[in-house]
Every structure is written in C-alpha cells, then in structure tokens.
Amino acid sequence: MANTPGNVHNHNLKALFLLASGLALSACSSPTETTACCVEDTGEILLEARGNEPFWNLILYETRVELNRMSEEQLQFAWQERAVGEYNLFSENAGEIVGTAKIIEEVCRDTMTGMPYPKRAEVTVGEQQLSGCAGSPIELLAGPEWRITHVQGEAIAESVAVSINFGENGEVYGNSGCNRFVGEYVLTGENFQLHQLASTRMACSEIQMATENQVLEALSDVVRFDIETDNVLELITSSGTRLRSVLN
C-alpha cells in the first residue's frame, strides 16, 4: 500500500504514542524498584539524645548512628560500645574513629524547656563538641509507686495514704487519700499533663476527704514535673503549686 501523506502522519502519531507510553511506564516503575532494593533496615532505636544551641539530635540504631544538626547534612556512623555508655563512632567508608558519644546516668534538664531527662549526653565529632540530654522523660516516672507527701506546700498527715503510679503507655492511677483514681498523662517535649481523671466514690474521715480534694484539684492542673537528685518527684501546677512525692 502506498504511503500517502495521511498514512505517514498516522504512522508517526502511533510511534510517538508508543514511545511516550513506554517512557511513562518506565518513569512509574523505576523509582519503585529502586526504593524497594535500596531501603536499609536500621533496626530498632536503642537510644536518642538531643541538645540546643546548636539544635542537634543523635539516634543510636542497632546498625548505625545518625547525627542531625540544624542546617547541616546528616552524618551516619558505624558504632562500637567501648564501655558502658561510651561509644566510638566510625566513618562508614574508611572505618576510622571520627567521634565519640558518652551517655551519663544522671538527671539532665533541657536548656530551653526545663524538661528533665534520665541521662546526660556528650557527643564529639571532629572538633565539634555537643552537650544535651538522652533517653525519655517517661523513664523517670514509670514503674515505681510514688508516695505524695506534700500538697500546696503543706505536709500530708501520716494517717492519710496518698500515692500515684505512672505506666509506660500513658496510664496514671493511685490513691488520693480516700478513693482510688485513674486517668492518663500526656507528655510532650515542653509540658506534662494529667487528663480524664476519675475516682471511686467512697466516704472517709474529714481529714482524708479534705486531703483528697486538695490532691485531685492539684493533679488536674499539673503542667510539668521535675526530679530532684534524691529521687524526689515534684508535680507542678500552672499556678506553681507543687505536689511533692518520694519513692514508696
């Protein structure tokens, strides 16, 4: 069949359509295959540290360490624990020691928010030294029972038992002096609050009920907490009222 101008035009359109379709399919499939083949499993997060001025954070995974600093490229290292809480950081290519990370078991407070953390962190990479806090504030709260000894600056009578417990998953419960209470806590990088507190409805002695009213009122207004060096927990309200607690 002779190639008329119309036939040639149609043939060229078909060729362009097939070429465009092939490129579109290639563009859609290639990134998916590349992503699937190159995603690296870093394992679980073992520890996280962070600090201010300059802002930085370090994440210790099972397989590597990542260091993020404001306005700078992320650095990745292989790591080896040389002693308890002390880590050598290696360049992933050359295998040379290029830095260290030291985690110290002592209460550390964020320099901007005052939030307490269970560990202090010191990181050195090249000539840069970074200081900050490590771990999670939950580690300071969860687990043991705390006995509340003071509310609104006054000691609670020894005959009145007041306690509070914090779970690892946001639950809070305890004894407010007469009744049991339950609720939940919300912990962010800047504050700490108790929500949805509910309690049983038993009647007790006058001193127990008076204490309970003070305790529940203060708990509902808590905005942050602090830990003193002698394992004393202070729950602090928006007005500055403190509920002082010790480990039971």
Protein backbone atom coordinates (compact mmCIF):
# COMPACT_ATOMS: atom_id res chain seq x y z
CA MET A 1 0.00 0.00 0.00
CA ALA A 2 1.42 3.41 -0.95
CA ASN A 3 2.39 5.79 1.84
CA THR A 4 0.15 8.76 1.36
CA PRO A 5 0.79 11.87 3.45
CA GLY A 6 -2.15 10.92 5.66
CA ASN A 7 -0.80 7.40 6.28
CA VAL A 8 2.66 8.71 7.13
CA HIS A 9 1.14 11.19 9.55
CA ASN A 10 -0.91 8.48 11.31
CA HIS A 11 2.10 6.17 11.48
CA ASN A 12 4.19 8.88 13.10
CA LEU A 13 1.48 9.63 15.65
CA LYS A 14 1.30 5.94 16.63
CA ALA A 15 5.07 5.78 17.02
CA LEU A 16 5.09 8.87 19.24
CA PHE A 17 2.24 7.48 21.33
CA LEU A 18 4.05 4.16 21.90
CA LEU A 19 7.29 5.97 22.80
CA ALA A 20 5.51 8.26 25.26
CA SER A 21 3.69 5.30 26.83
CA GLY A 22 6.95 3.41 27.26
CA LEU A 23 8.63 6.39 28.91
CA ALA A 24 5.67 6.89 31.26
CA LEU A 25 5.72 3.24 32.33
CA SER A 26 9.47 3.40 32.85
CA ALA A 27 9.15 6.57 34.92
CA CYS A 28 6.48 4.98 37.12
CA SER A 29 8.20 1.65 37.68
CA SER A 30 11.86 2.59 38.08
CA PRO A 31 11.62 4.59 41.36
CA THR A 32 9.54 1.84 42.97
CA GLU A 33 12.13 -0.79 42.10
CA THR A 34 15.00 1.46 43.22
CA THR A 35 13.32 2.24 46.54
CA ALA A 36 12.49 -1.39 47.21
CA CYS A 37 16.02 -2.57 46.50
CA CYS A 38 17.84 0.14 48.43
CA VAL A 39 15.91 0.63 51.69
CA GLU A 40 18.26 -0.21 54.58
CA ASP A 41 16.93 -1.77 57.76
CA THR A 42 18.45 0.26 60.58
CA GLY A 43 16.91 -1.95 63.28
CA GLU A 44 15.35 -0.67 66.49
CA ILE A 45 16.17 2.66 68.09
CA LEU A 46 18.33 1.92 71.13
CA LEU A 47 18.82 5.49 72.34
CA GLU A 48 18.09 9.06 71.34
CA ALA A 49 19.89 12.19 72.51
CA ARG A 50 19.28 15.85 71.72
CA GLY A 51 20.52 19.32 72.56
CA ASN A 52 20.20 23.03 71.84
CA GLU A 53 22.37 25.89 70.61
CA PRO A 54 23.05 24.48 68.11
CA PHE A 55 19.99 22.23 67.76
CA TRP A 56 21.04 18.61 67.23
CA ASN A 57 19.86 15.08 67.79
CA LEU A 58 21.60 11.72 67.69
CA ILE A 59 19.81 8.42 67.12
CA LEU A 60 21.54 5.17 68.01
CA TYR A 61 20.11 2.33 65.93
CA GLU A 62 21.11 -1.32 66.07
CA THR A 63 23.10 -0.97 62.86
CA ARG A 64 24.27 2.65 62.79
CA VAL A 65 24.24 6.11 64.35
CA GLU A 66 22.63 9.15 62.73
CA LEU A 67 23.57 12.69 63.74
CA ASN A 68 21.34 15.56 62.64
CA ARG A 69 22.36 19.19 63.08
CA MET A 70 20.45 22.29 62.04
CA SER A 71 21.29 23.45 58.50
CA GLU A 72 23.88 20.70 58.06
CA GLU A 73 23.89 17.42 56.19
CA GLN A 74 23.01 14.30 58.17
CA LEU A 75 26.03 12.27 59.26
CA GLN A 76 25.94 8.48 59.58
CA PHE A 77 28.39 6.34 61.51
CA ALA A 78 29.07 2.76 62.39
CA TRP A 79 29.43 2.38 66.16
CA GLN A 80 31.00 0.24 68.84
CA GLU A 81 30.42 0.36 72.59
CA ARG A 82 33.85 0.63 74.20
CA ALA A 83 32.50 0.80 77.76
CA VAL A 84 29.10 1.09 79.41
CA GLY A 85 27.51 4.21 77.95
CA GLU A 86 30.57 5.12 75.86
CA TYR A 87 30.58 4.68 72.08
CA ASN A 88 33.15 5.07 69.33
CA LEU A 89 31.78 6.46 66.07
CA PHE A 90 33.37 5.23 62.84
CA SER A 91 33.16 6.59 59.32
CA GLU A 92 31.16 4.04 57.34
CA ASN A 93 33.59 4.10 54.41
CA ALA A 94 37.08 4.30 55.90
CA GLY A 95 36.30 2.62 59.20
CA GLU A 96 38.25 5.24 61.17
CA ILE A 97 37.16 6.62 64.54
CA VAL A 98 35.77 10.08 63.81
CA GLY A 99 33.90 10.78 67.03
CA THR A 100 32.59 9.59 70.38
CA ALA A 101 29.32 9.61 72.27
CA LYS A 102 29.12 9.40 76.05
CA ILE A 103 25.87 8.80 77.92
CA ILE A 104 25.94 9.56 81.66
CA GLU A 105 23.32 8.24 84.08
CA GLU A 106 22.20 11.43 85.77
CA VAL A 107 19.19 13.71 85.54
CA CYS A 108 19.56 16.25 82.74
CA ARG A 109 17.28 19.22 82.04
CA ASP A 110 16.58 20.59 78.60
CA THR A 111 18.15 24.04 78.46
CA MET A 112 15.11 25.55 76.73
CA THR A 113 12.09 23.82 78.28
CA GLY A 114 13.43 22.59 81.62
CA MET A 115 12.04 19.10 80.88
CA PRO A 116 14.02 16.51 82.88
CA TYR A 117 15.61 13.51 81.15
CA PRO A 118 17.21 10.45 82.76
CA LYS A 119 20.62 10.79 81.08
CA ARG A 120 23.16 13.39 80.03
CA ALA A 121 24.84 13.18 76.62
CA GLU A 122 28.23 14.38 75.38
CA VAL A 123 28.98 13.94 71.66
CA THR A 124 32.23 14.81 69.90
CA VAL A 125 32.61 14.74 66.11
CA GLY A 126 35.88 16.11 64.80
CA GLU A 127 36.43 19.38 66.65
CA GLN A 128 32.75 19.94 67.43
CA GLN A 129 31.50 19.15 70.94
CA LEU A 130 27.77 18.81 71.60
CA SER A 131 26.07 18.60 75.00
CA GLY A 132 22.49 17.65 75.77
CA CYS A 133 20.13 15.09 77.25
CA ALA A 134 19.32 11.48 76.39
CA GLY A 135 16.61 8.92 76.98
CA SER A 136 12.93 9.62 77.59
CA PRO A 137 11.38 11.57 80.49
CA ILE A 138 8.96 8.64 80.93
CA GLU A 139 11.87 6.62 82.32
CA LEU A 140 11.93 8.94 85.33
CA LEU A 141 8.23 8.43 86.08
CA ALA A 142 7.12 4.96 85.07
CA GLY A 143 7.41 1.83 87.17
CA PRO A 144 7.63 2.52 90.91
CA GLU A 145 4.91 3.88 93.16
CA TRP A 146 5.34 7.44 94.35
CA ARG A 147 4.04 8.46 97.77
CA ILE A 148 2.77 12.05 97.76
CA THR A 149 3.99 13.72 100.95
CA HIS A 150 3.16 17.40 100.41
CA VAL A 151 0.42 19.36 98.66
CA GLN A 152 0.15 23.15 98.43
CA GLY A 153 3.33 23.43 100.49
CA GLU A 154 1.93 21.52 103.47
CA ALA A 155 2.82 18.05 104.67
CA ILE A 156 0.12 15.40 104.34
CA ALA A 157 -0.85 13.71 107.61
CA GLU A 158 0.89 10.35 108.09
CA SER A 159 -2.50 8.73 108.68
CA VAL A 160 -3.58 9.61 105.12
CA ALA A 161 -2.13 7.46 102.31
CA VAL A 162 -1.72 9.31 99.02
CA SER A 163 0.12 7.70 96.11
CA ILE A 164 0.49 7.89 92.34
CA ASN A 165 1.77 5.48 89.67
CA PHE A 166 2.67 6.15 86.03
CA GLY A 167 2.55 3.41 83.40
CA GLU A 168 4.76 3.23 80.33
CA ASN A 169 1.78 3.65 77.98
CA GLY A 170 0.30 6.87 79.33
CA GLU A 171 -1.84 5.49 82.16
CA VAL A 172 -1.87 7.04 85.64
CA TYR A 173 -3.50 5.69 88.80
CA GLY A 174 -3.24 5.92 92.56
CA ASN A 175 -4.87 6.73 95.89
CA SER A 176 -5.96 10.31 96.52
CA GLY A 177 -6.37 9.92 100.28
CA CYS A 178 -9.67 8.07 100.40
CA ASN A 179 -10.56 6.87 96.92
CA ARG A 180 -8.67 5.26 94.06
CA PHE A 181 -8.28 7.30 90.88
CA VAL A 182 -7.34 6.51 87.29
CA GLY A 183 -6.62 8.60 84.22
CA GLU A 184 -3.98 9.25 81.62
CA TYR A 185 -1.00 11.51 81.22
CA VAL A 186 0.26 13.33 78.14
CA LEU A 187 3.96 14.08 77.87
CA THR A 188 5.33 16.35 75.13
CA GLY A 189 8.70 17.97 74.67
CA GLU A 190 7.54 21.01 76.62
CA ASN A 191 4.90 20.02 79.17
CA PHE A 192 3.25 17.25 81.14
CA GLN A 193 -0.47 16.99 81.92
CA LEU A 194 -2.95 14.59 83.50
CA HIS A 195 -6.28 14.05 81.76
CA GLN A 196 -9.62 12.29 82.28
CA LEU A 197 -9.12 11.65 85.99
CA ALA A 198 -11.91 9.57 87.52
CA SER A 199 -12.21 8.13 91.02
CA THR A 200 -14.33 5.89 93.20
CA ARG A 201 -16.95 7.47 95.49
CA MET A 202 -16.34 6.18 99.00
CA ALA A 203 -16.77 8.41 102.06
CA CYS A 204 -13.91 8.65 104.55
CA SER A 205 -12.87 10.73 107.55
CA GLU A 206 -12.89 14.50 107.36
CA ILE A 207 -9.11 14.80 107.12
CA GLN A 208 -8.97 12.20 104.35
CA MET A 209 -11.66 13.93 102.32
CA ALA A 210 -10.05 17.36 102.76
CA THR A 211 -6.69 15.99 101.63
CA GLU A 212 -8.29 14.21 98.69
CA ASN A 213 -9.97 17.38 97.45
CA GLN A 214 -6.65 19.24 97.55
CA VAL A 215 -4.79 16.43 95.78
CA LEU A 216 -7.31 15.94 92.97
CA GLU A 217 -7.60 19.69 92.38
CA ALA A 218 -3.83 20.00 92.09
CA LEU A 219 -3.44 16.91 89.88
CA SER A 220 -5.96 18.25 87.37
CA ASP A 221 -3.85 21.40 86.95
CA VAL A 222 -0.39 19.83 86.58
CA VAL A 223 1.61 21.27 83.65
CA ARG A 224 5.11 19.94 84.25
CA PHE A 225 7.25 17.85 86.56
CA ASP A 226 10.76 17.83 87.95
CA ILE A 227 13.03 15.28 89.61
CA GLU A 228 15.43 16.21 92.38
CA THR A 229 18.72 14.41 92.90
CA ASP A 230 17.43 12.48 95.90
CA ASN A 231 14.65 10.82 93.84
CA VAL A 232 12.02 13.35 94.81
CA LEU A 233 9.27 13.94 92.23
CA GLU A 234 7.54 17.29 92.06
CA LEU A 235 4.33 17.69 90.05
CA ILE A 236 3.95 21.40 89.33
CA THR A 237 0.67 23.16 88.51
CA SER A 238 0.08 26.22 86.33
CA SER A 239 -0.10 28.38 89.46
CA GLY A 240 3.17 27.00 90.85
CA THR A 241 1.60 24.67 93.43
CA ARG A 242 3.74 21.58 93.94
CA LEU A 243 2.84 18.04 94.88
CA ARG A 244 5.96 16.56 96.40
CA SER A 245 6.43 12.78 96.16
CA VAL A 246 9.03 10.21 97.17
CA LEU A 247 9.56 6.63 96.07
CA ASN A 248 7.49 4.23 98.16
